PDB file of all heavy atoms in Angstrom:
ATOM      1  N   MET A   1     109.076 108.822 105.654  1.00  0.00           N
ATOM      2  CA  MET A   1     108.028 108.913 106.621  1.00  0.00           C
ATOM      3  C   MET A   1     108.724 108.913 108.009  1.00  0.00           C
ATOM      4  O   MET A   1     109.618 108.126 108.284  1.00  0.00           O
ATOM      5  CB  MET A   1     107.096 107.735 106.552  1.00  0.00           C
ATOM      6  CG  MET A   1     106.224 107.557 107.617  1.00  0.00           C
ATOM      7  SD  MET A   1     105.091 106.119 107.470  1.00  0.00           S
ATOM      8  CE  MET A   1     106.213 104.820 106.908  1.00  0.00           C
ATOM      9  N   PRO A   2     108.370 109.790 108.890  1.00  0.00           N
ATOM     10  CA  PRO A   2     108.908 109.827 110.301  1.00  0.00           C
ATOM     11  C   PRO A   2     108.457 108.534 111.013  1.00  0.00           C
ATOM     12  O   PRO A   2     107.560 107.943 110.761  1.00  0.00           O
ATOM     13  CB  PRO A   2     108.335 111.108 110.793  1.00  0.00           C
ATOM     14  CG  PRO A   2     107.150 111.491 110.058  1.00  0.00           C
ATOM     15  CD  PRO A   2     107.425 110.817 108.674  1.00  0.00           C
ATOM     16  N   ASP A   3     109.358 108.287 112.054  1.00  0.00           N
ATOM     17  CA  ASP A   3     109.046 107.131 112.878  1.00  0.00           C
ATOM     18  C   ASP A   3     107.824 107.349 113.659  1.00  0.00           C
ATOM     19  O   ASP A   3     107.475 108.463 114.160  1.00  0.00           O
ATOM     20  CB  ASP A   3     110.227 106.961 113.793  1.00  0.00           C
ATOM     21  CG  ASP A   3     110.167 105.569 114.529  1.00  0.00           C
ATOM     22  OD1 ASP A   3     109.328 104.811 114.193  1.00  0.00           O
ATOM     23  OD2 ASP A   3     111.071 105.433 115.427  1.00  0.00           O
ATOM     24  N   LEU A   4     107.002 106.282 113.900  1.00  0.00           N
ATOM     25  CA  LEU A   4     105.742 106.452 114.640  1.00  0.00           C
ATOM     26  C   LEU A   4     105.888 106.834 115.982  1.00  0.00           C
ATOM     27  O   LEU A   4     104.991 107.456 116.653  1.00  0.00           O
ATOM     28  CB  LEU A   4     105.078 105.127 114.456  1.00  0.00           C
ATOM     29  CG  LEU A   4     103.577 105.047 114.940  1.00  0.00           C
ATOM     30  CD1 LEU A   4     102.737 106.029 114.216  1.00  0.00           C
ATOM     31  CD2 LEU A   4     102.990 103.601 114.915  1.00  0.00           C
ATOM     32  N   LYS A   5     107.062 106.519 116.661  1.00  0.00           N
ATOM     33  CA  LYS A   5     107.269 107.011 118.061  1.00  0.00           C
ATOM     34  C   LYS A   5     107.250 108.491 118.183  1.00  0.00           C
ATOM     35  O   LYS A   5     107.137 108.907 119.336  1.00  0.00           O
ATOM     36  CB  LYS A   5     108.513 106.378 118.628  1.00  0.00           C
ATOM     37  CG  LYS A   5     109.853 106.878 118.068  1.00  0.00           C
ATOM     38  CD  LYS A   5     110.965 106.166 118.646  1.00  0.00           C
ATOM     39  CE  LYS A   5     112.369 106.679 118.024  1.00  0.00           C
ATOM     40  NZ  LYS A   5     113.381 106.011 118.555  1.00  0.00           N
ATOM     41  N   HIS A   6     107.390 109.252 117.080  1.00  0.00           N
ATOM     42  CA  HIS A   6     107.408 110.701 117.205  1.00  0.00           C
ATOM     43  C   HIS A   6     106.023 111.375 116.860  1.00  0.00           C
ATOM     44  O   HIS A   6     105.914 112.522 117.011  1.00  0.00           O
ATOM     45  CB  HIS A   6     108.420 111.294 116.172  1.00  0.00           C
ATOM     46  CG  HIS A   6     109.835 110.917 116.499  1.00  0.00           C
ATOM     47  ND1 HIS A   6     110.490 111.198 117.666  1.00  0.00           N
ATOM     48  CD2 HIS A   6     110.706 110.153 115.697  1.00  0.00           C
ATOM     49  CE1 HIS A   6     111.800 110.690 117.566  1.00  0.00           C
ATOM     50  NE2 HIS A   6     111.850 109.982 116.401  1.00  0.00           N
ATOM     51  N   ALA A   7     105.075 110.486 116.683  1.00  0.00           N
ATOM     52  CA  ALA A   7     103.760 110.918 116.337  1.00  0.00           C
ATOM     53  C   ALA A   7     103.006 111.186 117.654  1.00  0.00           C
ATOM     54  O   ALA A   7     103.323 110.607 118.685  1.00  0.00           O
ATOM     55  CB  ALA A   7     102.958 109.879 115.533  1.00  0.00           C
ATOM     56  N   ARG A   8     101.923 111.956 117.550  1.00  0.00           N
ATOM     57  CA  ARG A   8     101.065 112.190 118.706  1.00  0.00           C
ATOM     58  C   ARG A   8     100.398 110.883 119.034  1.00  0.00           C
ATOM     59  O   ARG A   8     100.192 110.092 118.252  1.00  0.00           O
ATOM     60  CB  ARG A   8      99.949 113.267 118.390  1.00  0.00           C
ATOM     61  CG  ARG A   8     100.555 114.673 118.148  1.00  0.00           C
ATOM     62  CD  ARG A   8      99.471 115.635 117.949  1.00  0.00           C
ATOM     63  NE  ARG A   8      98.529 115.475 116.967  1.00  0.00           N
ATOM     64  CZ  ARG A   8      97.248 115.201 117.127  1.00  0.00           C
ATOM     65  NH1 ARG A   8      96.717 115.246 118.440  1.00  0.00           N
ATOM     66  NH2 ARG A   8      96.318 115.011 116.181  1.00  0.00           N
ATOM     67  N   PRO A   9      99.947 110.761 120.332  1.00  0.00           N
ATOM     68  CA  PRO A   9      99.365 109.600 120.870  1.00  0.00           C
ATOM     69  C   PRO A   9      98.075 109.160 120.005  1.00  0.00           C
ATOM     70  O   PRO A   9      97.818 107.993 119.802  1.00  0.00           O
ATOM     71  CB  PRO A   9      99.009 109.820 122.241  1.00  0.00           C
ATOM     72  CG  PRO A   9     100.001 110.865 122.682  1.00  0.00           C
ATOM     73  CD  PRO A   9     100.293 111.697 121.460  1.00  0.00           C
ATOM     74  N   ALA A  10      97.243 110.209 119.611  1.00  0.00           N
ATOM     75  CA  ALA A  10      96.055 109.831 118.900  1.00  0.00           C
ATOM     76  C   ALA A  10      96.392 109.244 117.464  1.00  0.00           C
ATOM     77  O   ALA A  10      95.637 108.366 117.040  1.00  0.00           O
ATOM     78  CB  ALA A  10      95.298 111.132 118.672  1.00  0.00           C
ATOM     79  N   ILE A  11      97.491 109.746 116.804  1.00  0.00           N
ATOM     80  CA  ILE A  11      97.846 109.168 115.635  1.00  0.00           C
ATOM     81  C   ILE A  11      98.408 107.751 115.770  1.00  0.00           C
ATOM     82  O   ILE A  11      98.163 106.836 114.990  1.00  0.00           O
ATOM     83  CB  ILE A  11      98.863 110.022 114.863  1.00  0.00           C
ATOM     84  CG1 ILE A  11      98.317 111.396 114.477  1.00  0.00           C
ATOM     85  CG2 ILE A  11      99.523 109.385 113.626  1.00  0.00           C
ATOM     86  CD1 ILE A  11      99.203 112.415 113.950  1.00  0.00           C
ATOM     87  N   ARG A  12      99.218 107.555 116.727  1.00  0.00           N
ATOM     88  CA  ARG A  12      99.715 106.187 117.074  1.00  0.00           C
ATOM     89  C   ARG A  12      98.537 105.129 117.312  1.00  0.00           C
ATOM     90  O   ARG A  12      98.547 104.061 116.831  1.00  0.00           O
ATOM     91  CB  ARG A  12     100.661 106.225 118.323  1.00  0.00           C
ATOM     92  CG  ARG A  12     101.950 106.828 118.038  1.00  0.00           C
ATOM     93  CD  ARG A  12     102.940 106.438 119.149  1.00  0.00           C
ATOM     94  NE  ARG A  12     102.538 106.918 120.491  1.00  0.00           N
ATOM     95  CZ  ARG A  12     102.910 107.922 121.100  1.00  0.00           C
ATOM     96  NH1 ARG A  12     103.662 108.839 120.540  1.00  0.00           N
ATOM     97  NH2 ARG A  12     102.480 108.237 122.306  1.00  0.00           N
ATOM     98  N   GLN A  13      97.510 105.574 118.066  1.00  0.00           N
ATOM     99  CA  GLN A  13      96.398 104.751 118.242  1.00  0.00           C
ATOM    100  C   GLN A  13      95.626 104.494 117.042  1.00  0.00           C
ATOM    101  O   GLN A  13      95.248 103.355 116.744  1.00  0.00           O
ATOM    102  CB  GLN A  13      95.451 105.446 119.284  1.00  0.00           C
ATOM    103  CG  GLN A  13      94.298 104.503 119.724  1.00  0.00           C
ATOM    104  CD  GLN A  13      93.372 105.044 120.754  1.00  0.00           C
ATOM    105  OE1 GLN A  13      93.314 106.174 121.011  1.00  0.00           O
ATOM    106  NE2 GLN A  13      92.679 104.125 121.387  1.00  0.00           N
ATOM    107  N   LEU A  14      95.495 105.485 116.082  1.00  0.00           N
ATOM    108  CA  LEU A  14      94.765 105.196 114.809  1.00  0.00           C
ATOM    109  C   LEU A  14      95.554 104.207 113.996  1.00  0.00           C
ATOM    110  O   LEU A  14      94.921 103.336 113.409  1.00  0.00           O
ATOM    111  CB  LEU A  14      94.699 106.610 114.113  1.00  0.00           C
ATOM    112  CG  LEU A  14      94.236 106.504 112.661  1.00  0.00           C
ATOM    113  CD1 LEU A  14      92.734 106.106 112.599  1.00  0.00           C
ATOM    114  CD2 LEU A  14      94.318 107.897 111.973  1.00  0.00           C
ATOM    115  N   VAL A  15      96.841 104.396 113.932  1.00  0.00           N
ATOM    116  CA  VAL A  15      97.621 103.417 113.169  1.00  0.00           C
ATOM    117  C   VAL A  15      97.574 102.040 113.716  1.00  0.00           C
ATOM    118  O   VAL A  15      97.448 101.078 112.975  1.00  0.00           O
ATOM    119  CB  VAL A  15      99.111 103.946 112.995  1.00  0.00           C
ATOM    120  CG1 VAL A  15      99.924 102.886 112.420  1.00  0.00           C
ATOM    121  CG2 VAL A  15      99.204 105.204 112.222  1.00  0.00           C
ATOM    122  N   ARG A  16      97.610 101.958 114.979  1.00  0.00           N
ATOM    123  CA  ARG A  16      97.607 100.623 115.564  1.00  0.00           C
ATOM    124  C   ARG A  16      96.173  99.927 115.323  1.00  0.00           C
ATOM    125  O   ARG A  16      96.074  98.680 115.104  1.00  0.00           O
ATOM    126  CB  ARG A  16      97.848 100.686 117.075  1.00  0.00           C
ATOM    127  CG  ARG A  16      99.298 100.896 117.484  1.00  0.00           C
ATOM    128  CD  ARG A  16      99.452 100.890 118.914  1.00  0.00           C
ATOM    129  NE  ARG A  16     100.786 101.308 119.219  1.00  0.00           N
ATOM    130  CZ  ARG A  16     101.119 102.347 119.881  1.00  0.00           C
ATOM    131  NH1 ARG A  16     100.198 103.046 120.512  1.00  0.00           N
ATOM    132  NH2 ARG A  16     102.392 102.706 120.191  1.00  0.00           N
ATOM    133  N   LEU A  17      95.150 100.701 115.424  1.00  0.00           N
ATOM    134  CA  LEU A  17      93.827 100.182 115.112  1.00  0.00           C
ATOM    135  C   LEU A  17      93.738  99.732 113.725  1.00  0.00           C
ATOM    136  O   LEU A  17      93.125  98.639 113.404  1.00  0.00           O
ATOM    137  CB  LEU A  17      92.691 101.215 115.423  1.00  0.00           C
ATOM    138  CG  LEU A  17      92.436 101.495 116.930  1.00  0.00           C
ATOM    139  CD1 LEU A  17      91.541 102.714 117.008  1.00  0.00           C
ATOM    140  CD2 LEU A  17      91.780 100.303 117.596  1.00  0.00           C
ATOM    141  N   LEU A  18      94.205 100.576 112.760  1.00  0.00           N
ATOM    142  CA  LEU A  18      94.184 100.173 111.353  1.00  0.00           C
ATOM    143  C   LEU A  18      95.057  98.920 111.003  1.00  0.00           C
ATOM    144  O   LEU A  18      94.595  98.098 110.312  1.00  0.00           O
ATOM    145  CB  LEU A  18      94.601 101.363 110.484  1.00  0.00           C
ATOM    146  CG  LEU A  18      93.699 102.567 110.539  1.00  0.00           C
ATOM    147  CD1 LEU A  18      94.272 103.789 109.754  1.00  0.00           C
ATOM    148  CD2 LEU A  18      92.384 102.199 109.833  1.00  0.00           C
ATOM    149  N   ASN A  19      96.182  98.882 111.655  1.00  0.00           N
ATOM    150  CA  ASN A  19      97.039  97.679 111.422  1.00  0.00           C
ATOM    151  C   ASN A  19      96.372  96.368 111.838  1.00  0.00           C
ATOM    152  O   ASN A  19      96.342  95.343 111.285  1.00  0.00           O
ATOM    153  CB  ASN A  19      98.319  97.834 112.107  1.00  0.00           C
ATOM    154  CG  ASN A  19      99.303  98.775 111.302  1.00  0.00           C
ATOM    155  OD1 ASN A  19      99.123  98.917 110.097  1.00  0.00           O
ATOM    156  ND2 ASN A  19     100.227  99.303 112.017  1.00  0.00           N
ATOM    157  N   PHE A  20      95.679  96.480 113.077  1.00  0.00           N
ATOM    158  CA  PHE A  20      95.020  95.301 113.602  1.00  0.00           C
ATOM    159  C   PHE A  20      93.840  94.958 112.746  1.00  0.00           C
ATOM    160  O   PHE A  20      93.664  93.759 112.456  1.00  0.00           O
ATOM    161  CB  PHE A  20      94.632  95.624 115.041  1.00  0.00           C
ATOM    162  CG  PHE A  20      93.744  94.451 115.592  1.00  0.00           C
ATOM    163  CD1 PHE A  20      94.358  93.258 115.953  1.00  0.00           C
ATOM    164  CD2 PHE A  20      92.344  94.628 115.825  1.00  0.00           C
ATOM    165  CE1 PHE A  20      93.617  92.232 116.522  1.00  0.00           C
ATOM    166  CE2 PHE A  20      91.640  93.560 116.384  1.00  0.00           C
ATOM    167  CZ  PHE A  20      92.284  92.352 116.735  1.00  0.00           C
ATOM    168  N   ARG A  21      93.014  95.925 112.390  1.00  0.00           N
ATOM    169  CA  ARG A  21      91.797  95.550 111.587  1.00  0.00           C
ATOM    170  C   ARG A  21      92.137  95.239 110.110  1.00  0.00           C
ATOM    171  O   ARG A  21      91.269  94.594 109.439  1.00  0.00           O
ATOM    172  CB  ARG A  21      90.852  96.823 111.665  1.00  0.00           C
ATOM    173  CG  ARG A  21      90.281  97.096 112.990  1.00  0.00           C
ATOM    174  CD  ARG A  21      89.403  95.919 113.485  1.00  0.00           C
ATOM    175  NE  ARG A  21      88.988  96.200 114.838  1.00  0.00           N
ATOM    176  CZ  ARG A  21      87.873  95.750 115.246  1.00  0.00           C
ATOM    177  NH1 ARG A  21      86.984  95.133 114.577  1.00  0.00           N
ATOM    178  NH2 ARG A  21      87.441  96.085 116.565  1.00  0.00           N
ATOM    179  N   ALA A  22      93.292  95.602 109.679  1.00  0.00           N
ATOM    180  CA  ALA A  22      93.779  95.151 108.329  1.00  0.00           C
ATOM    181  C   ALA A  22      93.920  93.576 108.320  1.00  0.00           C
ATOM    182  O   ALA A  22      93.747  93.036 107.102  1.00  0.00           O
ATOM    183  CB  ALA A  22      94.963  95.821 107.899  1.00  0.00           C
ATOM    184  N   THR A  23      94.104  92.975 109.394  1.00  0.00           N
ATOM    185  CA  THR A  23      94.271  91.550 109.275  1.00  0.00           C
ATOM    186  C   THR A  23      92.919  90.852 109.103  1.00  0.00           C
ATOM    187  O   THR A  23      92.935  89.641 108.820  1.00  0.00           O
ATOM    188  CB  THR A  23      94.849  91.045 110.655  1.00  0.00           C
ATOM    189  OG1 THR A  23      93.912  91.237 111.762  1.00  0.00           O
ATOM    190  CG2 THR A  23      96.207  91.632 110.942  1.00  0.00           C
ATOM    191  N   TYR A  24      91.804  91.575 109.108  1.00  0.00           N
ATOM    192  CA  TYR A  24      90.549  90.939 108.821  1.00  0.00           C
ATOM    193  C   TYR A  24      90.349  90.780 107.348  1.00  0.00           C
ATOM    194  O   TYR A  24      89.226  90.155 106.958  1.00  0.00           O
ATOM    195  CB  TYR A  24      89.422  91.775 109.455  1.00  0.00           C
ATOM    196  CG  TYR A  24      89.387  91.747 110.947  1.00  0.00           C
ATOM    197  CD1 TYR A  24      90.418  91.312 111.755  1.00  0.00           C
ATOM    198  CD2 TYR A  24      88.235  92.240 111.606  1.00  0.00           C
ATOM    199  CE1 TYR A  24      90.378  91.280 113.062  1.00  0.00           C
ATOM    200  CE2 TYR A  24      88.160  92.244 113.035  1.00  0.00           C
ATOM    201  CZ  TYR A  24      89.273  91.724 113.696  1.00  0.00           C
ATOM    202  OH  TYR A  24      89.184  91.793 115.139  1.00  0.00           O
ATOM    203  N   GLY A  25      91.067  91.341 106.464  1.00  0.00           N
ATOM    204  CA  GLY A  25      90.950  91.195 105.007  1.00  0.00           C
ATOM    205  C   GLY A  25      89.934  92.083 104.360  1.00  0.00           C
ATOM    206  O   GLY A  25      89.686  91.960 103.186  1.00  0.00           O
ATOM    207  N   ARG A  26      89.456  93.081 105.029  1.00  0.00           N
ATOM    208  CA  ARG A  26      88.573  94.071 104.430  1.00  0.00           C
ATOM    209  C   ARG A  26      88.979  95.416 104.809  1.00  0.00           C
ATOM    210  O   ARG A  26      89.629  95.602 105.874  1.00  0.00           O
ATOM    211  CB  ARG A  26      87.088  93.855 104.943  1.00  0.00           C
ATOM    212  CG  ARG A  26      86.521  92.517 104.410  1.00  0.00           C
ATOM    213  CD  ARG A  26      85.063  92.437 104.839  1.00  0.00           C
ATOM    214  NE  ARG A  26      84.773  92.618 106.240  1.00  0.00           N
ATOM    215  CZ  ARG A  26      84.510  91.493 107.003  1.00  0.00           C
ATOM    216  NH1 ARG A  26      84.564  90.358 106.613  1.00  0.00           N
ATOM    217  NH2 ARG A  26      84.257  91.774 108.312  1.00  0.00           N
ATOM    218  N   PRO A  27      88.766  96.406 104.027  1.00  0.00           N
ATOM    219  CA  PRO A  27      89.197  97.778 104.197  1.00  0.00           C
ATOM    220  C   PRO A  27      88.388  98.454 105.432  1.00  0.00           C
ATOM    221  O   PRO A  27      87.291  98.101 105.609  1.00  0.00           O
ATOM    222  CB  PRO A  27      88.981  98.509 102.950  1.00  0.00           C
ATOM    223  CG  PRO A  27      87.765  97.876 102.270  1.00  0.00           C
ATOM    224  CD  PRO A  27      87.945  96.397 102.712  1.00  0.00           C
ATOM    225  N   SER A  28      89.042  99.376 105.985  1.00  0.00           N
ATOM    226  CA  SER A  28      88.427 100.267 107.082  1.00  0.00           C
ATOM    227  C   SER A  28      87.975 101.497 106.384  1.00  0.00           C
ATOM    228  O   SER A  28      88.541 101.911 105.317  1.00  0.00           O
ATOM    229  CB  SER A  28      89.406 100.592 108.197  1.00  0.00           C
ATOM    230  OG  SER A  28      89.711  99.412 108.910  1.00  0.00           O
ATOM    231  N   TYR A  29      86.989 102.267 106.927  1.00  0.00           N
ATOM    232  CA  TYR A  29      86.445 103.424 106.380  1.00  0.00           C
ATOM    233  C   TYR A  29      86.525 104.562 107.360  1.00  0.00           C
ATOM    234  O   TYR A  29      86.492 104.309 108.607  1.00  0.00           O
ATOM    235  CB  TYR A  29      85.096 103.243 105.937  1.00  0.00           C
ATOM    236  CG  TYR A  29      84.907 102.299 104.717  1.00  0.00           C
ATOM    237  CD1 TYR A  29      84.768 100.925 104.900  1.00  0.00           C
ATOM    238  CD2 TYR A  29      84.912 102.812 103.512  1.00  0.00           C
ATOM    239  CE1 TYR A  29      84.647 100.045 103.842  1.00  0.00           C
ATOM    240  CE2 TYR A  29      84.862 102.017 102.401  1.00  0.00           C
ATOM    241  CZ  TYR A  29      84.636 100.619 102.600  1.00  0.00           C
ATOM    242  OH  TYR A  29      84.553  99.733 101.473  1.00  0.00           O
ATOM    243  N   ILE A  30      86.478 105.708 106.919  1.00  0.00           N
ATOM    244  CA  ILE A  30      86.460 106.950 107.704  1.00  0.00           C
ATOM    245  C   ILE A  30      85.416 107.870 107.239  1.00  0.00           C
ATOM    246  O   ILE A  30      85.235 107.999 105.946  1.00  0.00           O
ATOM    247  CB  ILE A  30      87.831 107.649 107.788  1.00  0.00           C
ATOM    248  CG1 ILE A  30      87.928 108.695 108.888  1.00  0.00           C
ATOM    249  CG2 ILE A  30      88.187 108.300 106.492  1.00  0.00           C
ATOM    250  CD1 ILE A  30      88.281 108.081 110.199  1.00  0.00           C
ATOM    251  N   LYS A  31      84.463 108.348 108.062  1.00  0.00           N
ATOM    252  CA  LYS A  31      83.460 109.388 107.688  1.00  0.00           C
ATOM    253  C   LYS A  31      83.794 110.539 108.476  1.00  0.00           C
ATOM    254  O   LYS A  31      84.115 110.466 109.632  1.00  0.00           O
ATOM    255  CB  LYS A  31      82.093 108.920 107.990  1.00  0.00           C
ATOM    256  CG  LYS A  31      81.570 107.769 107.140  1.00  0.00           C
ATOM    257  CD  LYS A  31      80.189 107.298 107.665  1.00  0.00           C
ATOM    258  CE  LYS A  31      79.175 107.363 106.454  1.00  0.00           C
ATOM    259  NZ  LYS A  31      77.849 107.089 106.885  1.00  0.00           N
ATOM    260  N   TRP A  32      83.654 111.797 107.908  1.00  0.00           N
ATOM    261  CA  TRP A  32      83.897 112.956 108.796  1.00  0.00           C
ATOM    262  C   TRP A  32      82.912 114.107 108.508  1.00  0.00           C
ATOM    263  O   TRP A  32      82.263 114.150 107.406  1.00  0.00           O
ATOM    264  CB  TRP A  32      85.322 113.384 108.682  1.00  0.00           C
ATOM    265  CG  TRP A  32      85.829 113.822 107.316  1.00  0.00           C
ATOM    266  CD1 TRP A  32      85.256 114.495 106.311  1.00  0.00           C
ATOM    267  CD2 TRP A  32      87.169 113.497 106.852  1.00  0.00           C
ATOM    268  NE1 TRP A  32      86.043 114.705 105.252  1.00  0.00           N
ATOM    269  CE2 TRP A  32      87.203 114.031 105.503  1.00  0.00           C
ATOM    270  CE3 TRP A  32      88.209 112.841 107.374  1.00  0.00           C
ATOM    271  CZ2 TRP A  32      88.395 114.043 104.802  1.00  0.00           C
ATOM    272  CZ3 TRP A  32      89.353 112.772 106.593  1.00  0.00           C
ATOM    273  CH2 TRP A  32      89.416 113.315 105.366  1.00  0.00           C
ATOM    274  N   LEU A  33      82.687 114.893 109.491  1.00  0.00           N
ATOM    275  CA  LEU A  33      82.045 116.196 109.393  1.00  0.00           C
ATOM    276  C   LEU A  33      83.091 117.325 109.530  1.00  0.00           C
ATOM    277  O   LEU A  33      84.257 117.068 109.305  1.00  0.00           O
ATOM    278  CB  LEU A  33      81.115 116.315 110.657  1.00  0.00           C
ATOM    279  CG  LEU A  33      79.914 115.329 110.594  1.00  0.00           C
ATOM    280  CD1 LEU A  33      79.097 115.500 111.897  1.00  0.00           C
ATOM    281  CD2 LEU A  33      78.997 115.571 109.380  1.00  0.00           C
ATOM    282  N   GLU A  34      82.616 118.437 109.863  1.00  0.00           N
ATOM    283  CA  GLU A  34      83.562 119.643 109.857  1.00  0.00           C
ATOM    284  C   GLU A  34      84.688 119.461 110.975  1.00  0.00           C
ATOM    285  O   GLU A  34      85.808 119.743 110.638  1.00  0.00           O
ATOM    286  CB  GLU A  34      82.758 120.861 110.171  1.00  0.00           C
ATOM    287  CG  GLU A  34      83.632 122.114 110.015  1.00  0.00           C
ATOM    288  CD  GLU A  34      82.740 123.350 110.126  1.00  0.00           C
ATOM    289  OE1 GLU A  34      81.538 123.259 110.078  1.00  0.00           O
ATOM    290  OE2 GLU A  34      83.416 124.385 110.277  1.00  0.00           O
ATOM    291  N   TYR A  35      84.490 118.917 112.073  1.00  0.00           N
ATOM    292  CA  TYR A  35      85.424 118.827 113.122  1.00  0.00           C
ATOM    293  C   TYR A  35      85.759 117.358 113.667  1.00  0.00           C
ATOM    294  O   TYR A  35      86.610 117.120 114.413  1.00  0.00           O
ATOM    295  CB  TYR A  35      85.121 119.728 114.333  1.00  0.00           C
ATOM    296  CG  TYR A  35      85.074 121.165 114.005  1.00  0.00           C
ATOM    297  CD1 TYR A  35      83.940 121.808 113.963  1.00  0.00           C
ATOM    298  CD2 TYR A  35      86.228 121.861 113.665  1.00  0.00           C
ATOM    299  CE1 TYR A  35      83.839 123.128 113.610  1.00  0.00           C
ATOM    300  CE2 TYR A  35      86.178 123.187 113.302  1.00  0.00           C
ATOM    301  CZ  TYR A  35      84.960 123.827 113.336  1.00  0.00           C
ATOM    302  OH  TYR A  35      84.947 125.124 112.927  1.00  0.00           O
ATOM    303  N   GLN A  36      84.883 116.471 113.339  1.00  0.00           N
ATOM    304  CA  GLN A  36      84.974 115.113 113.911  1.00  0.00           C
ATOM    305  C   GLN A  36      84.971 114.076 112.834  1.00  0.00           C
ATOM    306  O   GLN A  36      84.396 114.294 111.696  1.00  0.00           O
ATOM    307  CB  GLN A  36      83.857 114.850 114.901  1.00  0.00           C
ATOM    308  CG  GLN A  36      82.546 115.158 114.427  1.00  0.00           C
ATOM    309  CD  GLN A  36      81.570 115.112 115.506  1.00  0.00           C
ATOM    310  OE1 GLN A  36      81.839 114.736 116.650  1.00  0.00           O
ATOM    311  NE2 GLN A  36      80.292 115.534 115.318  1.00  0.00           N
ATOM    312  N   ALA A  37      85.481 112.965 113.121  1.00  0.00           N
ATOM    313  CA  ALA A  37      85.595 111.797 112.173  1.00  0.00           C
ATOM    314  C   ALA A  37      85.242 110.539 112.907  1.00  0.00           C
ATOM    315  O   ALA A  37      85.455 110.352 114.095  1.00  0.00           O
ATOM    316  CB  ALA A  37      86.960 111.668 111.611  1.00  0.00           C
ATOM    317  N   ALA A  38      84.685 109.588 112.232  1.00  0.00           N
ATOM    318  CA  ALA A  38      84.198 108.285 112.734  1.00  0.00           C
ATOM    319  C   ALA A  38      84.946 107.214 111.983  1.00  0.00           C
ATOM    320  O   ALA A  38      85.038 107.158 110.770  1.00  0.00           O
ATOM    321  CB  ALA A  38      82.688 108.130 112.520  1.00  0.00           C
TER     322      ALA A  38
END
């Protein structure tokens, strides 16, 4: 896996959010349409 510092800013932010929310003990979810994701 490449180092996170080489990722685009949006990917870095996604990973940081997921790492923080993983400490809550429940999974995170993603829902998406054709061009956007929640």
